[in-house]
Amino acid sequence: MWNMSWKNKRKIKVIYILRWSKLLSTYIFSMVSALSTVVLMSLYGYPSFNSWAKFYGKVYNPGTDFDYRHTVFYNNLARIYEHNTNHVGSWSMSINKFADLTAKEFYEAYVLGGYGDSVNSTASFKESTMCGVNDEEVDWVERGYVTPVKNVRGRAWSVVAAGAIESMWAIRYGRLFNLSNTDFSGCTSADCAFEYASMNGVRGDNGSVLAYTKGFVKVPFSSLEDAVVRRPVAVGLYVDPLSFQFYSGGVLECVSRGVNYAALVVGYEADYFRLKNSWGTEWGMDGYFLVQRDCAMVASYPFV
């Protein structure tokens, strides 16, 4: 009995040692892997989690919240690094203020509800009036008819509607000013906001109503270039959260999955449209992004 007990004890001890050795080796491997990732990221100019959090004024509760965001941050860094080193396309990613959000969290906070429901237009787009006016490139920002990029969370369509009205008012009356995107009561799309503005107007930064519309026009995608020659145009398009979250420059490829977001087309060149976003100038190309010219979009603009 004693001999049997001794053998069992020795067996248990061996199993115990093996288990702890496995756990220790796994821990060491994970630590080395994490350290290697951090070193690799630093070599490529990526910030540490702590320096990034300090730069953006992020504060987390000690423990679970901090650990979770720390993990999300480095997962995102790995995704950015992998894209920039392996992606065949012509656009790049970089670290930004969204680096502590998962793709799902980012989508729900910044993309979801960005376009909304369309409504019937009050006028028809007449292609015949636009014939022969196409330019090789158009830039309404450079011409001075686009307000600075706003920094807004959610309701992208409202910012786009206000931006389109701002530009149309400036082109028509020579006065460019910021309009509020918090009006448009009862609306869920830019088209609805254009209609709202025809009856109620849109307030400026001082709280006073500064601009009205006379309705809006829907633009066939085949005529988008013609429309942009004359004014910035509100569009709905599909954006891939995995690409859009850390987009920093270059021309995005088309993704044909319907429409989930709104932006303002402010110009074009031979291969792309240039669009104004509403997440501040630290995102994208100073707050703007580029998409291929053949990407399907639904378009409209107000008339004043």
C-alpha atoms as a PDB file:
ATOM      1  CA  MET A   1       0.000   0.000   0.000  1.00  0.00           C
ATOM      2  CA  TRP A   2       2.795   2.372   0.945  1.00  0.00           C
ATOM      3  CA  ASN A   3       4.654   1.624  -2.277  1.00  0.00           C
ATOM      4  CA  MET A   4       1.499   2.222  -4.307  1.00  0.00           C
ATOM      5  CA  SER A   5       0.839   5.483  -2.510  1.00  0.00           C
ATOM      6  CA  TRP A   6       4.394   6.650  -3.156  1.00  0.00           C
ATOM      7  CA  LYS A   7       4.071   5.925  -6.863  1.00  0.00           C
ATOM      8  CA  ASN A   8       0.790   7.821  -7.027  1.00  0.00           C
ATOM      9  CA  LYS A   9       2.325  10.769  -5.247  1.00  0.00           C
ATOM     10  CA  ARG A  10       5.263  10.791  -7.630  1.00  0.00           C
ATOM     11  CA  LYS A  11       2.906  10.589 -10.605  1.00  0.00           C
ATOM     12  CA  ILE A  12       0.815  13.473  -9.279  1.00  0.00           C
ATOM     13  CA  LYS A  13       3.961  15.508  -8.690  1.00  0.00           C
ATOM     14  CA  VAL A  14       5.157  14.889 -12.250  1.00  0.00           C
ATOM     15  CA  ILE A  15       1.755  15.899 -13.666  1.00  0.00           C
ATOM     16  CA  TYR A  16       1.789  19.004 -11.464  1.00  0.00           C
ATOM     17  CA  ILE A  17       5.259  19.979 -12.697  1.00  0.00           C
ATOM     18  CA  LEU A  18       4.312  19.372 -16.334  1.00  0.00           C
ATOM     19  CA  ARG A  19       1.175  21.474 -16.020  1.00  0.00           C
ATOM     20  CA  TRP A  20       3.034  24.369 -14.436  1.00  0.00           C
ATOM     21  CA  SER A  21       5.795  24.073 -17.046  1.00  0.00           C
ATOM     22  CA  LYS A  22       3.218  24.287 -19.811  1.00  0.00           C
ATOM     23  CA  LEU A  23       1.532  27.280 -18.192  1.00  0.00           C
ATOM     24  CA  LEU A  24       4.876  28.986 -17.651  1.00  0.00           C
ATOM     25  CA  SER A  25       5.999  28.376 -21.233  1.00  0.00           C
ATOM     26  CA  THR A  26       2.657  29.667 -22.543  1.00  0.00           C
ATOM     27  CA  TYR A  27       2.988  32.777 -20.375  1.00  0.00           C
ATOM     28  CA  ILE A  28       6.576  33.362 -21.471  1.00  0.00           C
ATOM     29  CA  PHE A  29       5.616  32.873 -25.128  1.00  0.00           C
ATOM     30  CA  SER A  30       2.698  35.312 -24.832  1.00  0.00           C
ATOM     31  CA  MET A  31       4.902  37.860 -23.069  1.00  0.00           C
ATOM     32  CA  VAL A  32       7.638  37.515 -25.701  1.00  0.00           C
ATOM     33  CA  SER A  33       5.027  37.713 -28.446  1.00  0.00           C
ATOM     34  CA  ALA A  34       3.468  40.824 -26.920  1.00  0.00           C
ATOM     35  CA  LEU A  35       6.885  42.380 -26.380  1.00  0.00           C
ATOM     36  CA  SER A  36       7.845  41.571 -29.964  1.00  0.00           C
ATOM     37  CA  THR A  37       4.636  43.196 -31.196  1.00  0.00           C
ATOM     38  CA  VAL A  38       5.305  46.330 -29.160  1.00  0.00           C
ATOM     39  CA  VAL A  39       8.923  46.501 -30.367  1.00  0.00           C
ATOM     40  CA  LEU A  40       7.833  45.911 -33.967  1.00  0.00           C
ATOM     41  CA  MET A  41       5.180  48.609 -33.743  1.00  0.00           C
ATOM     42  CA  SER A  42       7.630  51.098 -32.231  1.00  0.00           C
ATOM     43  CA  LEU A  43      10.102  50.407 -35.039  1.00  0.00           C
ATOM     44  CA  TYR A  44       7.414  51.396 -37.534  1.00  0.00           C
ATOM     45  CA  GLY A  45       6.551  54.571 -35.641  1.00  0.00           C
ATOM     46  CA  TYR A  46       3.366  53.378 -33.931  1.00  0.00           C
ATOM     47  CA  PRO A  47       2.718  54.773 -30.435  1.00  0.00           C
ATOM     48  CA  SER A  48       2.353  52.733 -27.272  1.00  0.00           C
ATOM     49  CA  PHE A  49      -1.085  52.422 -25.724  1.00  0.00           C
ATOM     50  CA  ASN A  50      -0.182  54.728 -22.841  1.00  0.00           C
ATOM     51  CA  SER A  51       1.241  57.468 -25.085  1.00  0.00           C
ATOM     52  CA  TRP A  52      -1.766  57.217 -27.420  1.00  0.00           C
ATOM     53  CA  ALA A  53      -4.219  57.432 -24.494  1.00  0.00           C
ATOM     54  CA  LYS A  54      -2.393  60.458 -23.096  1.00  0.00           C
ATOM     55  CA  PHE A  55      -2.405  62.226 -26.477  1.00  0.00           C
ATOM     56  CA  TYR A  56      -6.173  61.770 -26.912  1.00  0.00           C
ATOM     57  CA  GLY A  57      -7.015  62.401 -23.259  1.00  0.00           C
ATOM     58  CA  LYS A  58      -8.382  58.888 -22.722  1.00  0.00           C
ATOM     59  CA  VAL A  59      -8.970  57.781 -19.129  1.00  0.00           C
ATOM     60  CA  TYR A  60      -9.961  54.231 -18.174  1.00  0.00           C
ATOM     61  CA  ASN A  61     -11.007  52.568 -14.962  1.00  0.00           C
ATOM     62  CA  PRO A  62      -8.155  50.477 -13.524  1.00  0.00           C
ATOM     63  CA  GLY A  63      -8.421  46.762 -14.078  1.00  0.00           C
ATOM     64  CA  THR A  64     -10.842  45.222 -16.541  1.00  0.00           C
ATOM     65  CA  ASP A  65     -11.645  48.371 -18.549  1.00  0.00           C
ATOM     66  CA  PHE A  66      -7.995  49.331 -18.969  1.00  0.00           C
ATOM     67  CA  ASP A  67      -6.931  45.788 -19.826  1.00  0.00           C
ATOM     68  CA  TYR A  68      -9.709  45.384 -22.386  1.00  0.00           C
ATOM     69  CA  ARG A  69      -8.980  48.650 -24.189  1.00  0.00           C
ATOM     70  CA  HIS A  70      -5.258  47.858 -24.064  1.00  0.00           C
ATOM     71  CA  THR A  71      -5.938  44.568 -25.861  1.00  0.00           C
ATOM     72  CA  VAL A  72      -8.272  46.184 -28.413  1.00  0.00           C
ATOM     73  CA  PHE A  73      -5.668  48.862 -29.132  1.00  0.00           C
ATOM     74  CA  TYR A  74      -2.899  46.384 -29.941  1.00  0.00           C
ATOM     75  CA  ASN A  75      -5.243  44.219 -31.994  1.00  0.00           C
ATOM     76  CA  ASN A  76      -6.058  47.292 -34.066  1.00  0.00           C
ATOM     77  CA  LEU A  77      -2.381  48.175 -34.387  1.00  0.00           C
ATOM     78  CA  ALA A  78      -1.705  44.690 -35.703  1.00  0.00           C
ATOM     79  CA  ARG A  79      -4.531  45.102 -38.243  1.00  0.00           C
ATOM     80  CA  ILE A  80      -3.154  48.472 -39.389  1.00  0.00           C
ATOM     81  CA  TYR A  81       0.362  47.079 -39.701  1.00  0.00           C
ATOM     82  CA  GLU A  82      -0.839  44.023 -41.629  1.00  0.00           C
ATOM     83  CA  HIS A  83      -2.869  46.146 -44.053  1.00  0.00           C
ATOM     84  CA  ASN A  84      -0.085  48.621 -44.742  1.00  0.00           C
ATOM     85  CA  THR A  85       2.475  45.888 -45.363  1.00  0.00           C
ATOM     86  CA  ASN A  86       0.330  43.409 -47.310  1.00  0.00           C
ATOM     87  CA  HIS A  87      -2.556  45.271 -48.949  1.00  0.00           C
ATOM     88  CA  VAL A  88      -2.455  45.440 -52.727  1.00  0.00           C
ATOM     89  CA  GLY A  89      -4.753  48.474 -53.018  1.00  0.00           C
ATOM     90  CA  SER A  90      -3.821  52.123 -53.170  1.00  0.00           C
ATOM     91  CA  TRP A  91      -5.007  53.284 -49.744  1.00  0.00           C
ATOM     92  CA  SER A  92      -3.449  53.206 -46.307  1.00  0.00           C
ATOM     93  CA  MET A  93      -4.385  53.024 -42.632  1.00  0.00           C
ATOM     94  CA  SER A  94      -3.003  54.874 -39.621  1.00  0.00           C
ATOM     95  CA  ILE A  95      -3.639  55.075 -35.894  1.00  0.00           C
ATOM     96  CA  ASN A  96      -6.270  57.616 -34.831  1.00  0.00           C
ATOM     97  CA  LYS A  97      -8.770  58.430 -32.074  1.00  0.00           C
ATOM     98  CA  PHE A  98     -10.775  55.257 -32.801  1.00  0.00           C
ATOM     99  CA  ALA A  99      -7.947  52.882 -31.864  1.00  0.00           C
ATOM    100  CA  ASP A 100      -9.550  51.658 -28.625  1.00  0.00           C
ATOM    101  CA  LEU A 101     -12.783  50.612 -30.374  1.00  0.00           C
ATOM    102  CA  THR A 102     -13.551  47.254 -31.939  1.00  0.00           C
ATOM    103  CA  ALA A 103     -14.915  47.314 -35.488  1.00  0.00           C
ATOM    104  CA  LYS A 104     -18.390  46.547 -34.107  1.00  0.00           C
ATOM    105  CA  GLU A 105     -18.230  49.354 -31.549  1.00  0.00           C
ATOM    106  CA  PHE A 106     -16.992  51.773 -34.186  1.00  0.00           C
ATOM    107  CA  TYR A 107     -19.751  50.806 -36.625  1.00  0.00           C
ATOM    108  CA  GLU A 108     -22.514  51.213 -34.057  1.00  0.00           C
ATOM    109  CA  ALA A 109     -21.215  54.570 -32.804  1.00  0.00           C
ATOM    110  CA  TYR A 110     -20.161  56.279 -36.028  1.00  0.00           C
ATOM    111  CA  VAL A 111     -21.547  54.523 -39.108  1.00  0.00           C
ATOM    112  CA  LEU A 112     -24.910  53.063 -38.122  1.00  0.00           C
ATOM    113  CA  GLY A 113     -27.757  55.380 -39.148  1.00  0.00           C
ATOM    114  CA  GLY A 114     -25.387  57.492 -41.195  1.00  0.00           C
ATOM    115  CA  TYR A 115     -27.583  57.525 -44.280  1.00  0.00           C
ATOM    116  CA  GLY A 116     -31.244  56.992 -43.359  1.00  0.00           C
ATOM    117  CA  ASP A 117     -34.311  56.753 -45.570  1.00  0.00           C
ATOM    118  CA  SER A 118     -34.637  58.611 -48.845  1.00  0.00           C
ATOM    119  CA  VAL A 119     -37.719  60.628 -49.829  1.00  0.00           C
ATOM    120  CA  ASN A 120     -39.149  61.742 -53.159  1.00  0.00           C
ATOM    121  CA  SER A 121     -37.517  64.792 -54.710  1.00  0.00           C
ATOM    122  CA  THR A 122     -39.302  68.005 -55.620  1.00  0.00           C
ATOM    123  CA  ALA A 123     -37.606  68.450 -58.995  1.00  0.00           C
ATOM    124  CA  SER A 124     -35.878  66.468 -61.733  1.00  0.00           C
ATOM    125  CA  PHE A 125     -32.223  66.620 -62.661  1.00  0.00           C
ATOM    126  CA  LYS A 126     -31.947  67.874 -66.243  1.00  0.00           C
ATOM    127  CA  GLU A 127     -28.825  66.414 -67.842  1.00  0.00           C
ATOM    128  CA  SER A 128     -29.317  68.521 -70.963  1.00  0.00           C
ATOM    129  CA  THR A 129     -28.555  71.684 -69.006  1.00  0.00           C
ATOM    130  CA  MET A 130     -25.175  70.284 -67.992  1.00  0.00           C
ATOM    131  CA  CYS A 131     -23.837  69.178 -71.381  1.00  0.00           C
ATOM    132  CA  GLY A 132     -20.396  70.368 -72.313  1.00  0.00           C
ATOM    133  CA  VAL A 133     -19.418  71.749 -68.912  1.00  0.00           C
ATOM    134  CA  ASN A 134     -17.344  68.838 -67.590  1.00  0.00           C
ATOM    135  CA  ASP A 135     -13.921  69.729 -66.248  1.00  0.00           C
ATOM    136  CA  GLU A 136     -11.003  67.314 -65.925  1.00  0.00           C
ATOM    137  CA  GLU A 137     -10.934  68.048 -62.211  1.00  0.00           C
ATOM    138  CA  VAL A 138     -13.093  69.996 -59.763  1.00  0.00           C
ATOM    139  CA  ASP A 139     -12.298  71.142 -56.213  1.00  0.00           C
ATOM    140  CA  TRP A 140     -14.958  73.154 -54.384  1.00  0.00           C
ATOM    141  CA  VAL A 141     -12.805  73.297 -51.249  1.00  0.00           C
ATOM    142  CA  GLU A 142     -10.031  75.091 -53.109  1.00  0.00           C
ATOM    143  CA  ARG A 143     -12.591  77.460 -54.631  1.00  0.00           C
ATOM    144  CA  GLY A 144     -13.690  78.474 -51.146  1.00  0.00           C
ATOM    145  CA  TYR A 145     -17.261  77.167 -51.134  1.00  0.00           C
ATOM    146  CA  VAL A 146     -16.940  74.476 -48.446  1.00  0.00           C
ATOM    147  CA  THR A 147     -16.948  75.061 -44.668  1.00  0.00           C
ATOM    148  CA  PRO A 148     -14.330  73.432 -42.382  1.00  0.00           C
ATOM    149  CA  VAL A 149     -14.704  69.750 -41.521  1.00  0.00           C
ATOM    150  CA  LYS A 150     -16.979  69.204 -38.525  1.00  0.00           C
ATOM    151  CA  ASN A 151     -16.365  66.691 -35.745  1.00  0.00           C
ATOM    152  CA  VAL A 152     -19.660  64.908 -35.076  1.00  0.00           C
ATOM    153  CA  ARG A 153     -20.563  61.465 -33.763  1.00  0.00           C
ATOM    154  CA  GLY A 154     -23.424  59.811 -35.642  1.00  0.00           C
ATOM    155  CA  ARG A 155     -26.169  61.271 -37.893  1.00  0.00           C
ATOM    156  CA  ALA A 156     -23.750  61.794 -40.789  1.00  0.00           C
ATOM    157  CA  TRP A 157     -26.676  62.603 -43.081  1.00  0.00           C
ATOM    158  CA  SER A 158     -27.484  65.729 -41.008  1.00  0.00           C
ATOM    159  CA  VAL A 159     -23.944  67.071 -41.349  1.00  0.00           C
ATOM    160  CA  VAL A 160     -24.001  66.335 -45.081  1.00  0.00           C
ATOM    161  CA  ALA A 161     -27.343  68.111 -45.501  1.00  0.00           C
ATOM    162  CA  ALA A 162     -26.078  71.188 -43.662  1.00  0.00           C
ATOM    163  CA  GLY A 163     -22.848  71.119 -45.712  1.00  0.00           C
ATOM    164  CA  ALA A 164     -24.698  70.917 -49.024  1.00  0.00           C
ATOM    165  CA  ILE A 165     -26.917  73.861 -48.071  1.00  0.00           C
ATOM    166  CA  GLU A 166     -23.895  75.849 -46.876  1.00  0.00           C
ATOM    167  CA  SER A 167     -22.155  75.400 -50.220  1.00  0.00           C
ATOM    168  CA  MET A 168     -25.249  76.092 -52.337  1.00  0.00           C
ATOM    169  CA  TRP A 169     -25.951  79.271 -50.387  1.00  0.00           C
ATOM    170  CA  ALA A 170     -22.351  80.406 -50.850  1.00  0.00           C
ATOM    171  CA  ILE A 171     -22.414  79.700 -54.589  1.00  0.00           C
ATOM    172  CA  ARG A 172     -25.758  81.455 -55.053  1.00  0.00           C
ATOM    173  CA  TYR A 173     -25.385  84.418 -52.699  1.00  0.00           C
ATOM    174  CA  GLY A 174     -21.631  84.691 -52.074  1.00  0.00           C
ATOM    175  CA  ARG A 175     -21.875  84.093 -48.322  1.00  0.00           C
ATOM    176  CA  LEU A 176     -20.303  81.035 -46.667  1.00  0.00           C
ATOM    177  CA  PHE A 177     -21.207  80.291 -43.060  1.00  0.00           C
ATOM    178  CA  ASN A 178     -21.612  77.297 -40.773  1.00  0.00           C
ATOM    179  CA  LEU A 179     -25.107  75.905 -40.377  1.00  0.00           C
ATOM    180  CA  SER A 180     -26.380  73.755 -37.538  1.00  0.00           C
ATOM    181  CA  ASN A 181     -26.823  70.034 -38.112  1.00  0.00           C
ATOM    182  CA  THR A 182     -29.006  69.679 -35.008  1.00  0.00           C
ATOM    183  CA  ASP A 183     -32.129  70.984 -36.718  1.00  0.00           C
ATOM    184  CA  PHE A 184     -34.108  68.805 -39.160  1.00  0.00           C
ATOM    185  CA  SER A 185     -36.585  67.580 -36.552  1.00  0.00           C
ATOM    186  CA  GLY A 186     -38.273  64.343 -37.547  1.00  0.00           C
ATOM    187  CA  CYS A 187     -35.819  63.612 -40.353  1.00  0.00           C
ATOM    188  CA  THR A 188     -33.558  60.612 -40.850  1.00  0.00           C
ATOM    189  CA  SER A 189     -31.922  61.503 -44.172  1.00  0.00           C
ATOM    190  CA  ALA A 190     -30.347  64.385 -46.087  1.00  0.00           C
ATOM    191  CA  ASP A 191     -33.253  64.471 -48.550  1.00  0.00           C
ATOM    192  CA  CYS A 192     -35.718  64.941 -45.702  1.00  0.00           C
ATOM    193  CA  ALA A 193     -33.464  67.653 -44.230  1.00  0.00           C
ATOM    194  CA  PHE A 194     -33.540  69.562 -47.542  1.00  0.00           C
ATOM    195  CA  GLU A 195     -37.341  69.478 -47.440  1.00  0.00           C
ATOM    196  CA  TYR A 196     -37.344  70.543 -43.781  1.00  0.00           C
ATOM    197  CA  ALA A 197     -35.136  73.513 -44.625  1.00  0.00           C
ATOM    198  CA  SER A 198     -37.566  74.639 -47.313  1.00  0.00           C
ATOM    199  CA  MET A 199     -40.259  75.117 -44.681  1.00  0.00           C
ATOM    200  CA  ASN A 200     -38.320  75.936 -41.520  1.00  0.00           C
ATOM    201  CA  GLY A 201     -34.916  77.160 -42.601  1.00  0.00           C
ATOM    202  CA  VAL A 202     -31.607  76.201 -40.985  1.00  0.00           C
ATOM    203  CA  ARG A 203     -29.975  77.989 -38.077  1.00  0.00           C
ATOM    204  CA  GLY A 204     -26.408  79.204 -38.001  1.00  0.00           C
ATOM    205  CA  ASP A 205     -23.881  79.195 -35.157  1.00  0.00           C
ATOM    206  CA  ASN A 206     -25.592  82.250 -33.618  1.00  0.00           C
ATOM    207  CA  GLY A 207     -28.937  80.442 -33.345  1.00  0.00           C
ATOM    208  CA  SER A 208     -30.647  82.565 -35.978  1.00  0.00           C
ATOM    209  CA  VAL A 209     -32.149  81.137 -39.143  1.00  0.00           C
ATOM    210  CA  LEU A 210     -29.690  81.920 -41.922  1.00  0.00           C
ATOM    211  CA  ALA A 211     -30.672  79.796 -44.907  1.00  0.00           C
ATOM    212  CA  TYR A 212     -33.673  78.252 -46.644  1.00  0.00           C
ATOM    213  CA  THR A 213     -33.952  75.818 -49.518  1.00  0.00           C
ATOM    214  CA  LYS A 214     -36.548  75.481 -52.272  1.00  0.00           C
ATOM    215  CA  GLY A 215     -36.488  71.694 -52.250  1.00  0.00           C
ATOM    216  CA  PHE A 216     -33.961  69.278 -53.667  1.00  0.00           C
ATOM    217  CA  VAL A 217     -33.009  67.316 -56.756  1.00  0.00           C
ATOM    218  CA  LYS A 218     -32.120  63.636 -57.034  1.00  0.00           C
ATOM    219  CA  VAL A 219     -29.158  62.940 -59.307  1.00  0.00           C
ATOM    220  CA  PRO A 220     -28.755  59.703 -61.293  1.00  0.00           C
ATOM    221  CA  PHE A 221     -25.373  58.150 -60.607  1.00  0.00           C
ATOM    222  CA  SER A 222     -24.506  58.385 -64.291  1.00  0.00           C
ATOM    223  CA  SER A 223     -24.855  62.173 -63.984  1.00  0.00           C
ATOM    224  CA  LEU A 224     -22.987  62.653 -60.697  1.00  0.00           C
ATOM    225  CA  GLU A 225     -19.934  64.143 -62.382  1.00  0.00           C
ATOM    226  CA  ASP A 226     -22.148  66.624 -64.251  1.00  0.00           C
ATOM    227  CA  ALA A 227     -23.777  67.687 -60.988  1.00  0.00           C
ATOM    228  CA  VAL A 228     -20.488  68.078 -59.091  1.00  0.00           C
ATOM    229  CA  VAL A 229     -19.220  70.449 -61.792  1.00  0.00           C
ATOM    230  CA  ARG A 230     -21.818  72.957 -60.557  1.00  0.00           C
ATOM    231  CA  ARG A 231     -21.927  72.306 -56.815  1.00  0.00           C
ATOM    232  CA  PRO A 232     -20.991  69.898 -53.965  1.00  0.00           C
ATOM    233  CA  VAL A 233     -23.446  66.986 -53.866  1.00  0.00           C
ATOM    234  CA  ALA A 234     -24.785  64.931 -50.951  1.00  0.00           C
ATOM    235  CA  VAL A 235     -24.363  61.193 -51.500  1.00  0.00           C
ATOM    236  CA  GLY A 236     -25.137  57.905 -49.849  1.00  0.00           C
ATOM    237  CA  LEU A 237     -22.643  55.067 -50.246  1.00  0.00           C
ATOM    238  CA  TYR A 238     -21.478  51.895 -48.584  1.00  0.00           C
ATOM    239  CA  VAL A 239     -18.435  52.096 -46.302  1.00  0.00           C
ATOM    240  CA  ASP A 240     -16.716  49.043 -44.865  1.00  0.00           C
ATOM    241  CA  PRO A 241     -16.108  49.693 -41.128  1.00  0.00           C
ATOM    242  CA  LEU A 242     -12.962  47.558 -41.188  1.00  0.00           C
ATOM    243  CA  SER A 243     -11.484  49.840 -43.857  1.00  0.00           C
ATOM    244  CA  PHE A 244     -13.044  53.143 -42.872  1.00  0.00           C
ATOM    245  CA  GLN A 245     -12.136  53.124 -39.179  1.00  0.00           C
ATOM    246  CA  PHE A 246      -8.424  53.753 -39.768  1.00  0.00           C
ATOM    247  CA  TYR A 247      -8.424  55.083 -43.340  1.00  0.00           C
ATOM    248  CA  SER A 248      -5.681  57.689 -43.744  1.00  0.00           C
ATOM    249  CA  GLY A 249      -5.212  58.243 -47.462  1.00  0.00           C
ATOM    250  CA  GLY A 250      -5.456  56.894 -50.983  1.00  0.00           C
ATOM    251  CA  VAL A 251      -8.381  55.771 -53.119  1.00  0.00           C
ATOM    252  CA  LEU A 252     -10.857  53.332 -51.568  1.00  0.00           C
ATOM    253  CA  GLU A 253     -12.152  50.469 -53.685  1.00  0.00           C
ATOM    254  CA  CYS A 254     -15.867  50.032 -54.322  1.00  0.00           C
ATOM    255  CA  VAL A 255     -17.930  47.809 -52.060  1.00  0.00           C
ATOM    256  CA  SER A 256     -21.349  46.952 -53.502  1.00  0.00           C
ATOM    257  CA  ARG A 257     -23.503  46.231 -50.475  1.00  0.00           C
ATOM    258  CA  GLY A 258     -26.144  48.936 -50.650  1.00  0.00           C
ATOM    259  CA  VAL A 259     -25.932  52.224 -48.761  1.00  0.00           C
ATOM    260  CA  ASN A 260     -25.061  52.745 -45.086  1.00  0.00           C
ATOM    261  CA  TYR A 261     -23.384  56.163 -44.842  1.00  0.00           C
ATOM    262  CA  ALA A 262     -23.569  59.736 -46.116  1.00  0.00           C
ATOM    263  CA  ALA A 263     -20.876  62.167 -47.232  1.00  0.00           C
ATOM    264  CA  LEU A 264     -20.487  65.304 -49.353  1.00  0.00           C
ATOM    265  CA  VAL A 265     -18.804  65.039 -52.749  1.00  0.00           C
ATOM    266  CA  VAL A 266     -16.708  68.201 -53.059  1.00  0.00           C
ATOM    267  CA  GLY A 267     -14.770  67.409 -56.225  1.00  0.00           C
ATOM    268  CA  TYR A 268     -13.149  64.848 -58.429  1.00  0.00           C
ATOM    269  CA  GLU A 269     -10.112  64.004 -60.514  1.00  0.00           C
ATOM    270  CA  ALA A 270      -9.603  61.437 -63.259  1.00  0.00           C
ATOM    271  CA  ASP A 271      -9.766  58.337 -61.055  1.00  0.00           C
ATOM    272  CA  TYR A 272     -11.712  59.353 -57.962  1.00  0.00           C
ATOM    273  CA  PHE A 273     -14.325  61.471 -56.234  1.00  0.00           C
ATOM    274  CA  ARG A 274     -13.253  63.503 -53.201  1.00  0.00           C
ATOM    275  CA  LEU A 275     -15.667  63.419 -50.255  1.00  0.00           C
ATOM    276  CA  LYS A 276     -15.955  65.412 -47.049  1.00  0.00           C
ATOM    277  CA  ASN A 277     -16.516  63.428 -43.847  1.00  0.00           C
ATOM    278  CA  SER A 278     -17.560  64.640 -40.381  1.00  0.00           C
ATOM    279  CA  TRP A 279     -15.104  63.091 -37.884  1.00  0.00           C
ATOM    280  CA  GLY A 280     -12.660  65.974 -37.579  1.00  0.00           C
ATOM    281  CA  THR A 281      -9.464  66.723 -39.459  1.00  0.00           C
ATOM    282  CA  GLU A 282      -7.405  64.065 -37.658  1.00  0.00           C
ATOM    283  CA  TRP A 283      -9.267  61.343 -39.530  1.00  0.00           C
ATOM    284  CA  GLY A 284      -8.520  60.443 -43.153  1.00  0.00           C
ATOM    285  CA  MET A 285      -6.938  63.081 -45.373  1.00  0.00           C
ATOM    286  CA  ASP A 286      -7.555  66.103 -43.152  1.00  0.00           C
ATOM    287  CA  GLY A 287     -11.142  64.954 -42.771  1.00  0.00           C
ATOM    288  CA  TYR A 288     -11.677  63.955 -46.425  1.00  0.00           C
ATOM    289  CA  PHE A 289     -11.506  60.653 -48.292  1.00  0.00           C
ATOM    290  CA  LEU A 290     -11.302  59.425 -51.888  1.00  0.00           C
ATOM    291  CA  VAL A 291     -13.351  56.720 -53.621  1.00  0.00           C
ATOM    292  CA  GLN A 292     -13.128  55.254 -57.091  1.00  0.00           C
ATOM    293  CA  ARG A 293     -15.193  57.041 -59.724  1.00  0.00           C
ATOM    294  CA  ASP A 294     -17.212  53.930 -60.564  1.00  0.00           C
ATOM    295  CA  CYS A 295     -18.439  53.328 -57.003  1.00  0.00           C
ATOM    296  CA  ALA A 296     -22.239  53.324 -56.986  1.00  0.00           C
ATOM    297  CA  MET A 297     -23.752  56.164 -54.941  1.00  0.00           C
ATOM    298  CA  VAL A 298     -27.183  57.720 -54.524  1.00  0.00           C
ATOM    299  CA  ALA A 299     -27.008  61.497 -54.886  1.00  0.00           C
ATOM    300  CA  SER A 300     -29.015  64.655 -54.329  1.00  0.00           C
ATOM    301  CA  TYR A 301     -28.538  68.379 -53.753  1.00  0.00           C
ATOM    302  CA  PRO A 302     -30.704  71.232 -52.485  1.00  0.00           C
ATOM    303  CA  PHE A 303     -31.570  74.264 -54.578  1.00  0.00           C
ATOM    304  CA  VAL A 304     -31.834  77.706 -53.027  1.00  0.00           C
END
